[in-house]
Amino acid sequence: MGAQQREYRKRSRSVQSTKKITRAMELIAASRVVKARQRVEETTPYARAITRAVSAVASYSDADHPLTTERPDATRAGVLVVTSDRGLAGAYSASVLKRAEQLRETLQAEGKEMVPFLAGRKAEGYFRFRGREYAKAWTGFSDRPDFESAKEIAETLLAEFLKGSQEGGVDEIHIVYTRFVSMVTQEVQVVRMLPLEVVEAAEVTTEDIFPLYEFEPSPAEALDALLPRYIVSRVWNALLQSAASELAARQRAMKSATDNAEELIKTYTRLANQARQAEITQEISEIVGGASALADAK
């Protein structure tokens, strides 16, 4: 009985130590997610403005631009997969990787080869563990992305797209990331960035209908200037959305772990008390039995 009691006390102390760690990580994630949400909200006006500008040029001009024209012989598709650098965030990274696998199967069914570009150590580890090749990986900033990293990623993707599959590049660019909806809801999104798909038109109200445009300089030159910035803004926004989603998922996961630790502590405390009570009961029984034996001997 004494050994059981010591074992339960030992396990309870171990769980208490774990609880302190998970509680601290929960508080850290809760403090960081506020700033991450604010950064997402701050980038929204610019993203909408440049989206309107690109949509206007693409929709109201007859320019045959390489960034907006479908390639009939497309054989390679670049896919940017955005995951976290660290774990302890529930199924956050696993959901993104699962969606990336589904996209790979879809592209293969269309006769296209997937060329992965990875953001986050979880994605890099996933591909390395399975012995799969990837074009390039960026790590170290998943929960605190910076604009320079987003710009580097966007420029790399754009350069690969402009090269084309004939020169070892890609014909399409997709991005798989997690969109932050709320602290409770985060959705994995798959967006094709290139060739450009103006998917934001559904968000335009009757008050936002574009007027007729005359372009100066030419529409092609306007697209040359706008589209690279549009791609950078999309990648930057995706990284910020993913960062907020990661922190929200980590906060929920750590809160759940803390609650489970509290339940385990209660369970081990109860078991230790039961073991102690059984030990006391056994000692009393032994004393009573010994006293009865002595009385019978007399």
Protein backbone atom coordinates (compact mmCIF):
# COMPACT_ATOMS: atom_id res chain seq x y z
CA MET A 1 0.00 0.00 0.00
CA GLY A 2 2.81 2.40 0.86
CA ALA A 3 4.45 1.77 -2.52
CA GLN A 4 1.17 2.53 -4.32
CA GLN A 5 0.73 5.75 -2.38
CA ARG A 6 4.25 6.90 -3.24
CA GLU A 7 3.69 6.05 -6.92
CA TYR A 8 0.46 8.05 -7.10
CA ARG A 9 2.08 11.04 -5.36
CA LYS A 10 4.99 10.85 -7.81
CA ARG A 11 2.65 10.78 -10.81
CA SER A 12 0.64 13.68 -9.41
CA ARG A 13 3.79 15.82 -9.06
CA SER A 14 4.80 14.95 -12.62
CA VAL A 15 1.40 15.98 -13.97
CA GLN A 16 1.53 19.20 -11.95
CA SER A 17 4.82 20.07 -13.64
CA THR A 18 3.28 19.38 -17.03
CA LYS A 19 0.28 21.51 -16.13
CA LYS A 20 2.53 24.48 -15.36
CA ILE A 21 4.13 24.17 -18.79
CA THR A 22 0.85 23.85 -20.70
CA ARG A 23 -0.67 26.71 -18.74
CA ALA A 24 2.30 28.95 -19.55
CA MET A 25 2.11 28.04 -23.25
CA GLU A 26 -1.61 28.74 -23.23
CA LEU A 27 -1.05 32.22 -21.81
CA ILE A 28 1.77 32.94 -24.27
CA ALA A 29 -0.39 31.90 -27.23
CA ALA A 30 -3.30 33.95 -25.90
CA SER A 31 -1.13 37.06 -25.69
CA ARG A 32 0.39 36.60 -29.14
CA VAL A 33 -2.83 35.79 -30.95
CA VAL A 34 -4.20 39.26 -30.13
CA LYS A 35 -1.36 40.91 -32.03
CA ALA A 36 -1.59 38.34 -34.83
CA ARG A 37 -5.29 39.12 -35.30
CA GLN A 38 -4.53 42.82 -35.33
CA ARG A 39 -1.92 42.36 -38.07
CA VAL A 40 -4.44 40.45 -40.17
CA GLU A 41 -6.99 43.23 -39.77
CA GLU A 42 -4.43 45.89 -40.63
CA THR A 43 -3.46 44.24 -43.93
CA THR A 44 -7.05 43.74 -45.09
CA PRO A 45 -7.63 47.28 -46.53
CA TYR A 46 -4.48 47.11 -48.67
CA ALA A 47 -5.27 43.58 -49.84
CA ARG A 48 -8.75 44.67 -50.88
CA ALA A 49 -7.48 47.79 -52.63
CA ILE A 50 -4.87 45.98 -54.71
CA THR A 51 -7.35 43.20 -55.45
CA ARG A 52 -9.78 45.81 -56.85
CA ALA A 53 -7.00 47.32 -58.94
CA VAL A 54 -5.86 43.99 -60.39
CA SER A 55 -9.47 42.92 -60.95
CA ALA A 56 -10.16 46.12 -62.85
CA VAL A 57 -7.19 45.67 -65.17
CA ALA A 58 -7.82 41.96 -65.70
CA SER A 59 -11.56 42.31 -66.21
CA TYR A 60 -11.78 45.50 -68.28
CA SER A 61 -8.87 45.11 -70.64
CA ASP A 62 -8.03 42.76 -73.48
CA ALA A 63 -4.40 42.43 -72.46
CA ASP A 64 -2.91 38.98 -73.09
CA HIS A 65 -0.61 38.85 -70.07
CA PRO A 66 1.35 35.72 -69.02
CA LEU A 67 0.15 36.05 -65.42
CA THR A 68 -3.51 35.99 -66.43
CA THR A 69 -3.44 33.57 -69.39
CA GLU A 70 -4.06 29.84 -69.02
CA ARG A 71 -1.29 27.64 -70.38
CA PRO A 72 -2.83 24.84 -72.44
CA ASP A 73 0.19 22.57 -72.02
CA ALA A 74 0.48 22.95 -68.22
CA THR A 75 2.37 19.99 -66.73
CA ARG A 76 3.86 21.29 -63.45
CA ALA A 77 2.08 23.08 -60.60
CA GLY A 78 3.89 24.75 -57.74
CA VAL A 79 2.17 24.45 -54.36
CA LEU A 80 3.10 26.56 -51.34
CA VAL A 81 2.22 24.62 -48.18
CA VAL A 82 2.07 26.79 -45.04
CA THR A 83 2.39 24.94 -41.71
CA SER A 84 3.88 25.69 -38.29
CA ASP A 85 7.46 25.46 -37.08
CA ARG A 86 6.47 23.90 -33.76
CA GLY A 87 3.93 21.36 -32.60
CA LEU A 88 1.52 21.42 -29.66
CA ALA A 89 -1.12 23.08 -31.81
CA GLY A 90 -3.59 20.25 -32.18
CA ALA A 91 -4.36 19.20 -35.76
CA TYR A 92 -3.33 22.56 -37.26
CA SER A 93 -0.41 21.34 -39.39
CA ALA A 94 -1.91 17.90 -40.00
CA SER A 95 -5.02 19.47 -41.55
CA VAL A 96 -2.92 21.56 -43.95
CA LEU A 97 -0.77 18.57 -44.96
CA LYS A 98 -3.87 16.44 -45.49
CA ARG A 99 -5.36 19.09 -47.76
CA ALA A 100 -2.07 19.36 -49.64
CA GLU A 101 -2.16 15.60 -50.27
CA GLN A 102 -5.69 15.91 -51.63
CA LEU A 103 -4.54 18.71 -53.94
CA ARG A 104 -1.63 16.54 -55.12
CA GLU A 105 -4.04 13.75 -56.05
CA THR A 106 -6.25 16.22 -57.90
CA LEU A 107 -3.32 17.61 -59.86
CA GLN A 108 -2.08 14.13 -60.72
CA ALA A 109 -5.55 13.25 -62.00
CA GLU A 110 -5.24 16.29 -64.32
CA GLY A 111 -1.85 15.07 -65.53
CA LYS A 112 0.15 17.68 -63.61
CA GLU A 113 3.17 17.20 -61.38
CA MET A 114 3.10 18.87 -57.97
CA VAL A 115 6.20 20.91 -57.10
CA PRO A 116 6.11 21.64 -53.34
CA PHE A 117 7.31 24.87 -51.78
CA LEU A 118 7.23 24.61 -48.00
CA ALA A 119 6.81 27.16 -45.21
CA GLY A 120 7.23 25.71 -41.71
CA ARG A 121 9.32 22.93 -40.18
CA LYS A 122 6.32 20.61 -39.90
CA ALA A 123 5.88 20.54 -43.67
CA GLU A 124 9.61 20.14 -44.21
CA GLY A 125 9.77 17.26 -41.73
CA TYR A 126 6.73 15.63 -43.34
CA PHE A 127 8.34 15.58 -46.78
CA ARG A 128 11.78 14.56 -45.52
CA PHE A 129 10.40 11.67 -43.46
CA ARG A 130 8.66 10.27 -46.54
CA GLY A 131 11.66 10.83 -48.78
CA ARG A 132 9.84 13.27 -51.05
CA GLU A 133 11.57 16.04 -52.93
CA TYR A 134 10.57 19.68 -52.62
CA ALA A 135 11.74 22.80 -54.42
CA LYS A 136 12.49 25.05 -51.43
CA ALA A 137 11.59 25.49 -47.76
CA TRP A 138 11.38 28.50 -45.46
CA THR A 139 11.30 28.09 -41.67
CA GLY A 140 11.63 30.01 -38.42
CA PHE A 141 8.80 32.52 -38.67
CA SER A 142 5.50 30.60 -38.68
CA ASP A 143 3.97 32.28 -35.59
CA ARG A 144 5.65 35.66 -36.25
CA PRO A 145 5.95 36.14 -40.02
CA ASP A 146 7.82 39.13 -41.39
CA PHE A 147 7.26 40.94 -44.66
CA GLU A 148 10.76 40.25 -45.98
CA SER A 149 10.16 36.49 -45.77
CA ALA A 150 6.80 36.86 -47.51
CA LYS A 151 8.43 38.92 -50.24
CA GLU A 152 11.17 36.34 -50.74
CA ILE A 153 8.61 33.53 -51.01
CA ALA A 154 6.46 35.51 -53.46
CA GLU A 155 9.43 36.45 -55.65
CA THR A 156 10.60 32.82 -55.73
CA LEU A 157 7.17 31.59 -56.76
CA LEU A 158 6.79 34.31 -59.39
CA ALA A 159 10.22 33.55 -60.87
CA GLU A 160 9.39 29.85 -61.13
CA PHE A 161 6.10 30.67 -62.82
CA LEU A 162 7.68 33.03 -65.35
CA LYS A 163 10.24 30.35 -66.29
CA GLY A 164 7.53 27.87 -67.18
CA SER A 165 7.71 24.10 -67.15
CA GLN A 166 9.75 24.03 -70.36
CA GLU A 167 12.66 25.64 -68.51
CA GLY A 168 12.23 23.75 -65.23
CA GLY A 169 9.71 26.11 -63.67
CA VAL A 170 5.98 25.69 -63.09
CA ASP A 171 2.81 26.55 -64.99
CA GLU A 172 0.54 27.16 -62.00
CA ILE A 173 0.94 28.42 -58.43
CA HIS A 174 -1.33 27.22 -55.63
CA ILE A 175 -1.20 28.00 -51.93
CA VAL A 176 -2.51 25.83 -49.08
CA TYR A 177 -2.91 27.73 -45.82
CA THR A 178 -5.28 28.15 -42.86
CA ARG A 179 -7.66 31.10 -42.92
CA PHE A 180 -8.40 32.66 -39.55
CA VAL A 181 -12.16 33.03 -39.04
CA SER A 182 -12.39 33.30 -35.25
CA MET A 183 -10.72 31.98 -32.13
CA VAL A 184 -12.82 28.85 -32.47
CA THR A 185 -12.88 28.38 -36.24
CA GLN A 186 -9.97 28.17 -38.67
CA GLU A 187 -10.44 26.86 -42.21
CA VAL A 188 -7.85 25.27 -44.50
CA GLN A 189 -7.95 27.05 -47.85
CA VAL A 190 -6.58 26.15 -51.28
CA VAL A 191 -6.17 29.14 -53.60
CA ARG A 192 -4.74 29.22 -57.09
CA MET A 193 -2.75 32.43 -57.33
CA LEU A 194 -1.35 32.07 -60.85
CA PRO A 195 -2.66 32.23 -63.51
CA LEU A 196 -4.78 34.87 -61.85
CA GLU A 197 -8.32 33.93 -60.88
CA VAL A 198 -10.45 36.91 -59.89
CA VAL A 199 -12.39 35.07 -57.21
CA GLU A 200 -13.07 38.20 -55.18
CA ALA A 201 -15.79 39.38 -57.57
CA ALA A 202 -18.43 37.67 -55.42
CA GLU A 203 -17.58 40.03 -52.59
CA VAL A 204 -18.26 43.12 -54.68
CA THR A 205 -21.60 44.81 -54.00
CA THR A 206 -23.66 46.94 -56.36
CA GLU A 207 -22.01 50.01 -54.89
CA ASP A 208 -18.58 48.67 -55.87
CA ILE A 209 -19.23 48.01 -59.58
CA PHE A 210 -16.21 49.05 -61.61
CA PRO A 211 -16.65 51.90 -64.08
CA LEU A 212 -15.24 51.84 -67.58
CA TYR A 213 -11.49 52.37 -67.58
CA GLU A 214 -8.94 53.93 -69.86
CA PHE A 215 -5.41 52.75 -69.09
CA GLU A 216 -2.34 54.91 -69.06
CA PRO A 217 0.17 53.34 -69.50
CA SER A 218 -1.10 50.27 -71.38
CA PRO A 219 -2.96 47.46 -69.59
CA ALA A 220 0.03 45.15 -70.05
CA GLU A 221 2.34 47.63 -68.30
CA ALA A 222 -0.23 48.10 -65.53
CA LEU A 223 -0.38 44.34 -65.00
CA ASP A 224 3.42 44.15 -64.99
CA ALA A 225 3.42 46.61 -62.10
CA LEU A 226 0.38 45.38 -60.17
CA LEU A 227 0.48 41.60 -60.34
CA PRO A 228 3.83 41.05 -58.59
CA ARG A 229 2.64 43.26 -55.74
CA TYR A 230 -0.65 41.39 -55.74
CA ILE A 231 1.17 38.06 -55.33
CA VAL A 232 3.29 39.47 -52.49
CA SER A 233 0.18 40.74 -50.73
CA ARG A 234 -1.56 37.36 -51.11
CA VAL A 235 1.41 35.46 -49.69
CA TRP A 236 1.84 37.99 -46.88
CA ASN A 237 -1.83 37.78 -45.97
CA ALA A 238 -1.73 33.96 -46.08
CA LEU A 239 1.24 33.90 -43.69
CA LEU A 240 -0.51 36.27 -41.30
CA GLN A 241 -3.74 34.28 -41.45
CA SER A 242 -1.80 31.08 -40.79
CA ALA A 243 0.07 32.62 -37.87
CA ALA A 244 -3.15 33.73 -36.19
CA SER A 245 -4.69 30.30 -36.83
CA GLU A 246 -1.64 28.53 -35.40
CA LEU A 247 -1.69 30.57 -32.20
CA ALA A 248 -5.44 30.10 -31.78
CA ALA A 249 -5.07 26.34 -32.29
CA ARG A 250 -2.17 26.21 -29.83
CA GLN A 251 -4.15 28.13 -27.22
CA ARG A 252 -7.05 25.69 -27.51
CA ALA A 253 -4.75 22.67 -27.44
CA MET A 254 -2.88 23.90 -24.38
CA LYS A 255 -6.11 24.77 -22.57
CA SER A 256 -7.38 21.26 -23.25
CA ALA A 257 -4.08 19.81 -22.01
CA THR A 258 -4.27 21.93 -18.85
CA ASP A 259 -7.84 20.79 -18.17
CA ASN A 260 -6.82 17.16 -18.68
CA ALA A 261 -3.88 17.64 -16.32
CA GLU A 262 -6.21 18.97 -13.64
CA GLU A 263 -8.43 15.91 -14.02
CA LEU A 264 -5.42 13.61 -13.78
CA ILE A 265 -4.22 15.39 -10.64
CA LYS A 266 -7.64 14.91 -9.05
CA THR A 267 -7.63 11.24 -10.03
CA TYR A 268 -4.14 10.55 -8.67
CA THR A 269 -4.94 12.46 -5.48
CA ARG A 270 -8.05 10.39 -4.97
CA LEU A 271 -6.18 7.13 -5.64
CA ALA A 272 -3.39 8.16 -3.25
CA ASN A 273 -5.94 8.94 -0.54
CA GLN A 274 -7.62 5.60 -1.12
CA ALA A 275 -4.29 3.82 -0.87
CA ARG A 276 -3.48 5.69 2.35
CA GLN A 277 -6.91 4.85 3.79
CA ALA A 278 -6.46 1.18 2.86
CA GLU A 279 -3.03 1.19 4.48
CA ILE A 280 -4.42 2.68 7.71
CA THR A 281 -7.31 0.19 7.67
CA GLN A 282 -4.88 -2.69 7.23
CA GLU A 283 -2.69 -1.44 10.11
CA ILE A 284 -5.74 -1.14 12.37
CA SER A 285 -6.84 -4.64 11.40
CA GLU A 286 -3.39 -5.98 12.20
CA ILE A 287 -3.35 -4.25 15.59
CA VAL A 288 -6.84 -5.50 16.45
CA GLY A 289 -5.94 -8.99 15.31
CA GLY A 290 -2.76 -8.97 17.37
CA ALA A 291 -4.60 -7.73 20.46
CA SER A 292 -7.23 -10.45 20.02
CA ALA A 293 -4.54 -13.10 19.71
CA LEU A 294 -2.85 -11.89 22.89
CA ALA A 295 -6.17 -11.90 24.74
CA ASP A 296 -6.90 -15.44 23.60
CA ALA A 297 -3.42 -16.60 24.68
CA LYS A 298 -4.06 -15.37 28.21
